[in-house]
Amino acid sequence: MKDNQAIDRHLVKRVLEGDTYAFETIITCTQGLVIHIVYKMIENQQDREDLIQEIYLKAYHRLSSFKFKSQLSTWIGAISYNTCINFLEKRKIPIVQMDGDEDNELGNLADPNLTRFVANETDSHMLSKERSQILQAEMEKLSPLYKTLITLFHKEELSYDEISKITGLPIGTLKSYLFRARRVLRDNLLNRYNKEDL
C-alpha cells in the first residue's frame, strides 16, 4: 500500500507539472477497473466510449484536488461509478432491481451453500468455457449495480472498503446488495439450467 501511494504521489506530481506521459501511465494502470465499471453499468457501446473519455477528462481536471486518502485507482473508480450513475439517472434507467425480500439479506449473508455456489460460479479458472459463457450471459441480465458489485468483488478482487469508497455505499448496504446480487444470479442460473449443467 505504501509503495502504491508513493507511485501515486510521483505520478500525480508529474502530471501537475505538465508531464502528459505520466497521465498516460495513470490511464494504463487504471483502465481495467474503469472499463469493468463502465461496461457493467452501461449497455450501449458508443455511450461507454464517451463516458470513458469523460471519466478521464474529469480525473485530469480534478487531479489537483486528489488528497491521497485512498489509492489513485480507487479515486478514479469512484469518478467512473458516479459518472455512470449520473448517466443512468438522466436516462431514467433503474440502477438496482428490487426483489421484494429486502429484510432478510443480512441475516443470510453467511449461508455457506450460497457463498460456495457463487464463489465457484465466479471463479473463471474453475469453469469450463461453456459454463463461463453461461455465467457471463446471466450476469449481463442483472441490474447495473449488481453487475458492478459482483465484478468489483469477484473479478477485480477489491475489498469491501475499496468498493465502499468507489460506490459511496456504506459497507453494510454494500454487503446486502452483494448478497442480493449473488442470490438473483444463483436463482436465475438454477431456473434456467439444470444443476448438472452448471
C-alpha atoms as a PDB file:
ATOM      1  CA  MET A   1       0.000   0.000   0.000  1.00  0.00           C
ATOM      2  CA  LYS A   2       2.848   2.410   0.898  1.00  0.00           C
ATOM      3  CA  ASP A   3       4.605   1.561  -2.378  1.00  0.00           C
ATOM      4  CA  ASN A   4       1.385   2.212  -4.296  1.00  0.00           C
ATOM      5  CA  GLN A   5       0.925   5.528  -2.530  1.00  0.00           C
ATOM      6  CA  ALA A   6       4.488   6.566  -3.366  1.00  0.00           C
ATOM      7  CA  ILE A   7       3.879   5.691  -7.028  1.00  0.00           C
ATOM      8  CA  ASP A   8       0.563   7.594  -6.958  1.00  0.00           C
ATOM      9  CA  ARG A   9       2.228  10.677  -5.444  1.00  0.00           C
ATOM     10  CA  HIS A  10       5.013  10.556  -8.014  1.00  0.00           C
ATOM     11  CA  LEU A  11       2.605  10.230 -10.962  1.00  0.00           C
ATOM     12  CA  VAL A  12       0.264  12.968  -9.711  1.00  0.00           C
ATOM     13  CA  LYS A  13       3.209  15.327  -9.134  1.00  0.00           C
ATOM     14  CA  ARG A  14       4.487  14.715 -12.665  1.00  0.00           C
ATOM     15  CA  VAL A  15       1.044  15.279 -14.218  1.00  0.00           C
ATOM     16  CA  LEU A  16       0.569  18.511 -12.280  1.00  0.00           C
ATOM     17  CA  GLU A  17       3.974  19.640 -13.542  1.00  0.00           C
ATOM     18  CA  GLY A  18       2.741  19.140 -17.111  1.00  0.00           C
ATOM     19  CA  ASP A  19       4.022  15.641 -17.923  1.00  0.00           C
ATOM     20  CA  THR A  20       1.350  14.173 -20.224  1.00  0.00           C
ATOM     21  CA  TYR A  21       3.131  10.806 -20.361  1.00  0.00           C
ATOM     22  CA  ALA A  22       2.555  10.436 -16.624  1.00  0.00           C
ATOM     23  CA  PHE A  23      -1.192  10.755 -17.181  1.00  0.00           C
ATOM     24  CA  GLU A  24      -0.966   8.123 -19.917  1.00  0.00           C
ATOM     25  CA  THR A  25       0.635   5.867 -17.282  1.00  0.00           C
ATOM     26  CA  ILE A  26      -2.284   6.574 -14.931  1.00  0.00           C
ATOM     27  CA  ILE A  27      -4.718   5.618 -17.712  1.00  0.00           C
ATOM     28  CA  THR A  28      -2.813   2.406 -18.439  1.00  0.00           C
ATOM     29  CA  CYS A  29      -2.798   1.457 -14.741  1.00  0.00           C
ATOM     30  CA  THR A  30      -6.490   2.182 -14.152  1.00  0.00           C
ATOM     31  CA  GLN A  31      -8.227   1.422 -17.450  1.00  0.00           C
ATOM     32  CA  GLY A  32      -9.018  -2.190 -16.490  1.00  0.00           C
ATOM     33  CA  LEU A  33     -11.011  -1.032 -13.460  1.00  0.00           C
ATOM     34  CA  VAL A  34     -12.671   1.816 -15.378  1.00  0.00           C
ATOM     35  CA  ILE A  35     -13.680  -0.492 -18.244  1.00  0.00           C
ATOM     36  CA  HIS A  36     -15.078  -3.070 -15.811  1.00  0.00           C
ATOM     37  CA  ILE A  37     -17.257  -0.442 -14.132  1.00  0.00           C
ATOM     38  CA  VAL A  38     -18.427   1.278 -17.315  1.00  0.00           C
ATOM     39  CA  TYR A  39     -19.086  -1.937 -19.245  1.00  0.00           C
ATOM     40  CA  LYS A  40     -21.120  -3.439 -16.403  1.00  0.00           C
ATOM     41  CA  MET A  41     -23.206  -0.312 -15.860  1.00  0.00           C
ATOM     42  CA  ILE A  42     -23.713   0.934 -19.425  1.00  0.00           C
ATOM     43  CA  GLU A  43     -25.047  -1.178 -22.302  1.00  0.00           C
ATOM     44  CA  ASN A  44     -24.539   0.976 -25.398  1.00  0.00           C
ATOM     45  CA  GLN A  45     -21.007   0.812 -26.855  1.00  0.00           C
ATOM     46  CA  GLN A  46     -20.908   4.436 -28.029  1.00  0.00           C
ATOM     47  CA  ASP A  47     -22.108   5.635 -24.621  1.00  0.00           C
ATOM     48  CA  ARG A  48     -19.392   3.520 -22.991  1.00  0.00           C
ATOM     49  CA  GLU A  49     -16.664   5.079 -25.120  1.00  0.00           C
ATOM     50  CA  ASP A  50     -17.995   8.605 -24.496  1.00  0.00           C
ATOM     51  CA  LEU A  51     -18.188   8.020 -20.746  1.00  0.00           C
ATOM     52  CA  ILE A  52     -14.655   6.604 -20.520  1.00  0.00           C
ATOM     53  CA  GLN A  53     -13.380   9.767 -22.212  1.00  0.00           C
ATOM     54  CA  GLU A  54     -15.459  11.899 -19.841  1.00  0.00           C
ATOM     55  CA  ILE A  55     -14.151   9.981 -16.806  1.00  0.00           C
ATOM     56  CA  TYR A  56     -10.509  10.570 -17.707  1.00  0.00           C
ATOM     57  CA  LEU A  57     -11.157  14.221 -18.525  1.00  0.00           C
ATOM     58  CA  LYS A  58     -12.741  14.640 -15.085  1.00  0.00           C
ATOM     59  CA  ALA A  59      -9.844  12.800 -13.440  1.00  0.00           C
ATOM     60  CA  TYR A  60      -7.314  15.002 -15.252  1.00  0.00           C
ATOM     61  CA  HIS A  61      -9.037  18.261 -14.322  1.00  0.00           C
ATOM     62  CA  ARG A  62      -9.652  17.208 -10.703  1.00  0.00           C
ATOM     63  CA  LEU A  63      -6.216  15.693 -10.093  1.00  0.00           C
ATOM     64  CA  SER A  64      -5.018  18.688  -8.078  1.00  0.00           C
ATOM     65  CA  SER A  65      -7.837  18.021  -5.581  1.00  0.00           C
ATOM     66  CA  PHE A  66      -6.813  14.369  -5.003  1.00  0.00           C
ATOM     67  CA  LYS A  67      -5.910  14.067  -1.287  1.00  0.00           C
ATOM     68  CA  PHE A  68      -4.300  10.579  -1.265  1.00  0.00           C
ATOM     69  CA  LYS A  69      -6.864   9.289   1.254  1.00  0.00           C
ATOM     70  CA  SER A  70      -7.278   6.241  -0.981  1.00  0.00           C
ATOM     71  CA  GLN A  71      -5.373   4.732  -3.879  1.00  0.00           C
ATOM     72  CA  LEU A  72      -5.482   6.741  -7.087  1.00  0.00           C
ATOM     73  CA  SER A  73      -7.196   3.803  -8.830  1.00  0.00           C
ATOM     74  CA  THR A  74      -9.945   3.798  -6.171  1.00  0.00           C
ATOM     75  CA  TRP A  75     -10.446   7.551  -6.649  1.00  0.00           C
ATOM     76  CA  ILE A  76     -10.718   7.152 -10.427  1.00  0.00           C
ATOM     77  CA  GLY A  77     -13.019   4.167  -9.840  1.00  0.00           C
ATOM     78  CA  ALA A  78     -15.290   6.448  -7.804  1.00  0.00           C
ATOM     79  CA  ILE A  79     -15.330   9.022 -10.619  1.00  0.00           C
ATOM     80  CA  SER A  80     -16.232   6.207 -13.031  1.00  0.00           C
ATOM     81  CA  TYR A  81     -19.035   4.891 -10.847  1.00  0.00           C
ATOM     82  CA  ASN A  82     -20.541   8.335 -10.183  1.00  0.00           C
ATOM     83  CA  THR A  83     -20.312   9.326 -13.857  1.00  0.00           C
ATOM     84  CA  CYS A  84     -22.202   6.156 -14.812  1.00  0.00           C
ATOM     85  CA  ILE A  85     -24.800   6.663 -12.053  1.00  0.00           C
ATOM     86  CA  ASN A  86     -25.429  10.226 -13.251  1.00  0.00           C
ATOM     87  CA  PHE A  87     -25.771   8.997 -16.828  1.00  0.00           C
ATOM     88  CA  LEU A  88     -28.259   6.276 -15.842  1.00  0.00           C
ATOM     89  CA  GLU A  89     -30.292   8.670 -13.695  1.00  0.00           C
ATOM     90  CA  LYS A  90     -30.532  11.180 -16.553  1.00  0.00           C
ATOM     91  CA  ARG A  91     -31.772   8.386 -18.820  1.00  0.00           C
ATOM     92  CA  LYS A  92     -34.128   7.181 -16.052  1.00  0.00           C
ATOM     93  CA  ILE A  93     -32.605   3.686 -16.224  1.00  0.00           C
ATOM     94  CA  PRO A  94     -33.071   1.685 -12.982  1.00  0.00           C
ATOM     95  CA  ILE A  95     -29.755   1.139 -11.208  1.00  0.00           C
ATOM     96  CA  VAL A  96     -30.788  -1.732  -8.963  1.00  0.00           C
ATOM     97  CA  GLN A  97     -33.518  -4.353  -9.113  1.00  0.00           C
ATOM     98  CA  MET A  98     -35.642  -4.911  -6.028  1.00  0.00           C
ATOM     99  CA  ASP A  99     -36.955  -8.386  -5.431  1.00  0.00           C
ATOM    100  CA  GLY A 100     -39.365  -7.716  -2.585  1.00  0.00           C
ATOM    101  CA  ASP A 101     -37.350  -9.621   0.007  1.00  0.00           C
ATOM    102  CA  GLU A 102     -35.050  -6.961   1.348  1.00  0.00           C
ATOM    103  CA  ASP A 103     -35.404  -7.518   5.070  1.00  0.00           C
ATOM    104  CA  ASN A 104     -33.706 -10.876   5.066  1.00  0.00           C
ATOM    105  CA  GLU A 105     -30.473 -10.197   3.254  1.00  0.00           C
ATOM    106  CA  LEU A 106     -28.010  -9.569   6.056  1.00  0.00           C
ATOM    107  CA  GLY A 107     -29.245 -12.491   8.071  1.00  0.00           C
ATOM    108  CA  ASN A 108     -28.465 -14.818   5.175  1.00  0.00           C
ATOM    109  CA  LEU A 109     -25.097 -13.415   4.190  1.00  0.00           C
ATOM    110  CA  ALA A 110     -23.205 -16.245   5.822  1.00  0.00           C
ATOM    111  CA  ASP A 111     -25.184 -19.013   4.106  1.00  0.00           C
ATOM    112  CA  PRO A 112     -22.284 -21.358   3.227  1.00  0.00           C
ATOM    113  CA  ASN A 113     -24.100 -23.041   0.342  1.00  0.00           C
ATOM    114  CA  LEU A 114     -24.853 -19.730  -1.317  1.00  0.00           C
ATOM    115  CA  THR A 115     -21.350 -18.383  -0.796  1.00  0.00           C
ATOM    116  CA  ARG A 116     -19.788 -21.586  -2.124  1.00  0.00           C
ATOM    117  CA  PHE A 117     -22.123 -21.621  -5.130  1.00  0.00           C
ATOM    118  CA  VAL A 118     -21.366 -18.057  -6.136  1.00  0.00           C
ATOM    119  CA  ALA A 119     -17.655 -18.333  -5.420  1.00  0.00           C
ATOM    120  CA  ASN A 120     -17.464 -21.431  -7.605  1.00  0.00           C
ATOM    121  CA  GLU A 121     -19.575 -19.871 -10.331  1.00  0.00           C
ATOM    122  CA  THR A 122     -17.496 -16.685 -10.440  1.00  0.00           C
ATOM    123  CA  ASP A 123     -14.080 -18.349 -10.398  1.00  0.00           C
ATOM    124  CA  SER A 124     -13.244 -18.372 -14.094  1.00  0.00           C
ATOM    125  CA  HIS A 125     -10.254 -20.668 -13.561  1.00  0.00           C
ATOM    126  CA  MET A 126     -12.578 -23.446 -12.399  1.00  0.00           C
ATOM    127  CA  LEU A 127     -15.161 -23.029 -15.120  1.00  0.00           C
ATOM    128  CA  SER A 128     -15.218 -24.689 -18.493  1.00  0.00           C
ATOM    129  CA  LYS A 129     -15.577 -22.268 -21.385  1.00  0.00           C
ATOM    130  CA  GLU A 130     -19.253 -23.157 -21.779  1.00  0.00           C
ATOM    131  CA  ARG A 131     -20.046 -22.674 -18.086  1.00  0.00           C
ATOM    132  CA  SER A 132     -18.163 -19.402 -18.100  1.00  0.00           C
ATOM    133  CA  GLN A 133     -20.240 -18.195 -21.056  1.00  0.00           C
ATOM    134  CA  ILE A 134     -23.466 -19.233 -19.297  1.00  0.00           C
ATOM    135  CA  LEU A 135     -22.439 -17.299 -16.197  1.00  0.00           C
ATOM    136  CA  GLN A 136     -21.435 -14.240 -18.222  1.00  0.00           C
ATOM    137  CA  ALA A 137     -24.737 -14.251 -20.132  1.00  0.00           C
ATOM    138  CA  GLU A 138     -26.753 -14.434 -16.899  1.00  0.00           C
ATOM    139  CA  MET A 139     -24.623 -11.740 -15.259  1.00  0.00           C
ATOM    140  CA  GLU A 140     -25.390  -9.381 -18.126  1.00  0.00           C
ATOM    141  CA  LYS A 141     -29.103  -9.666 -17.262  1.00  0.00           C
ATOM    142  CA  LEU A 142     -28.551  -8.234 -13.769  1.00  0.00           C
ATOM    143  CA  SER A 143     -29.118  -4.569 -12.974  1.00  0.00           C
ATOM    144  CA  PRO A 144     -26.137  -2.202 -13.432  1.00  0.00           C
ATOM    145  CA  LEU A 145     -25.351  -2.033  -9.708  1.00  0.00           C
ATOM    146  CA  TYR A 146     -25.495  -5.803  -9.194  1.00  0.00           C
ATOM    147  CA  LYS A 147     -23.242  -6.481 -12.185  1.00  0.00           C
ATOM    148  CA  THR A 148     -20.773  -3.872 -10.986  1.00  0.00           C
ATOM    149  CA  LEU A 149     -20.578  -5.126  -7.398  1.00  0.00           C
ATOM    150  CA  ILE A 150     -20.075  -8.754  -8.432  1.00  0.00           C
ATOM    151  CA  THR A 151     -17.370  -7.682 -10.887  1.00  0.00           C
ATOM    152  CA  LEU A 152     -15.519  -5.475  -8.400  1.00  0.00           C
ATOM    153  CA  PHE A 153     -15.640  -8.097  -5.653  1.00  0.00           C
ATOM    154  CA  HIS A 154     -15.026 -11.298  -7.615  1.00  0.00           C
ATOM    155  CA  LYS A 155     -13.099 -10.212 -10.724  1.00  0.00           C
ATOM    156  CA  GLU A 156     -11.212  -7.135  -9.525  1.00  0.00           C
ATOM    157  CA  GLU A 157     -10.925  -8.772  -6.063  1.00  0.00           C
ATOM    158  CA  LEU A 158     -11.384  -5.441  -4.288  1.00  0.00           C
ATOM    159  CA  SER A 159     -12.096  -5.326  -0.572  1.00  0.00           C
ATOM    160  CA  TYR A 160     -15.421  -4.159   0.864  1.00  0.00           C
ATOM    161  CA  ASP A 161     -13.619  -0.995   1.983  1.00  0.00           C
ATOM    162  CA  GLU A 162     -12.335  -0.243  -1.526  1.00  0.00           C
ATOM    163  CA  ILE A 163     -15.725  -0.933  -3.129  1.00  0.00           C
ATOM    164  CA  SER A 164     -17.371   1.265  -0.493  1.00  0.00           C
ATOM    165  CA  LYS A 165     -15.000   4.121  -1.407  1.00  0.00           C
ATOM    166  CA  ILE A 166     -15.749   3.665  -5.110  1.00  0.00           C
ATOM    167  CA  THR A 167     -19.541   3.450  -4.786  1.00  0.00           C
ATOM    168  CA  GLY A 168     -20.114   5.602  -1.716  1.00  0.00           C
ATOM    169  CA  LEU A 169     -22.247   2.810  -0.245  1.00  0.00           C
ATOM    170  CA  PRO A 170     -21.875   2.009   3.469  1.00  0.00           C
ATOM    171  CA  ILE A 171     -20.250  -1.405   3.962  1.00  0.00           C
ATOM    172  CA  GLY A 172     -23.434  -2.896   5.485  1.00  0.00           C
ATOM    173  CA  THR A 173     -25.508  -1.758   2.500  1.00  0.00           C
ATOM    174  CA  LEU A 174     -22.806  -2.955   0.135  1.00  0.00           C
ATOM    175  CA  LYS A 175     -22.814  -6.444   1.686  1.00  0.00           C
ATOM    176  CA  SER A 176     -26.587  -6.553   1.459  1.00  0.00           C
ATOM    177  CA  TYR A 177     -26.580  -5.565  -2.217  1.00  0.00           C
ATOM    178  CA  LEU A 178     -23.776  -8.015  -2.981  1.00  0.00           C
ATOM    179  CA  PHE A 179     -25.679 -10.813  -1.276  1.00  0.00           C
ATOM    180  CA  ARG A 180     -28.820  -9.922  -3.211  1.00  0.00           C
ATOM    181  CA  ALA A 181     -26.881  -9.776  -6.487  1.00  0.00           C
ATOM    182  CA  ARG A 182     -25.430 -13.235  -5.879  1.00  0.00           C
ATOM    183  CA  ARG A 183     -28.828 -14.614  -4.949  1.00  0.00           C
ATOM    184  CA  VAL A 184     -30.508 -13.222  -8.068  1.00  0.00           C
ATOM    185  CA  LEU A 185     -27.676 -14.618 -10.191  1.00  0.00           C
ATOM    186  CA  ARG A 186     -27.913 -18.006  -8.493  1.00  0.00           C
ATOM    187  CA  ASP A 187     -31.701 -18.142  -8.830  1.00  0.00           C
ATOM    188  CA  ASN A 188     -31.527 -17.141 -12.495  1.00  0.00           C
ATOM    189  CA  LEU A 189     -28.943 -19.829 -13.181  1.00  0.00           C
ATOM    190  CA  LEU A 190     -30.900 -22.525 -11.366  1.00  0.00           C
ATOM    191  CA  ASN A 191     -34.183 -21.515 -13.004  1.00  0.00           C
ATOM    192  CA  ARG A 192     -32.708 -21.627 -16.470  1.00  0.00           C
ATOM    193  CA  TYR A 193     -30.303 -24.564 -16.251  1.00  0.00           C
ATOM    194  CA  ASN A 194     -30.202 -27.943 -14.549  1.00  0.00           C
ATOM    195  CA  LYS A 195     -27.794 -28.066 -11.635  1.00  0.00           C
ATOM    196  CA  GLU A 196     -25.838 -30.740 -13.506  1.00  0.00           C
ATOM    197  CA  ASP A 197     -25.273 -28.334 -16.423  1.00  0.00           C
ATOM    198  CA  LEU A 198     -23.530 -25.891 -14.093  1.00  0.00           C
END
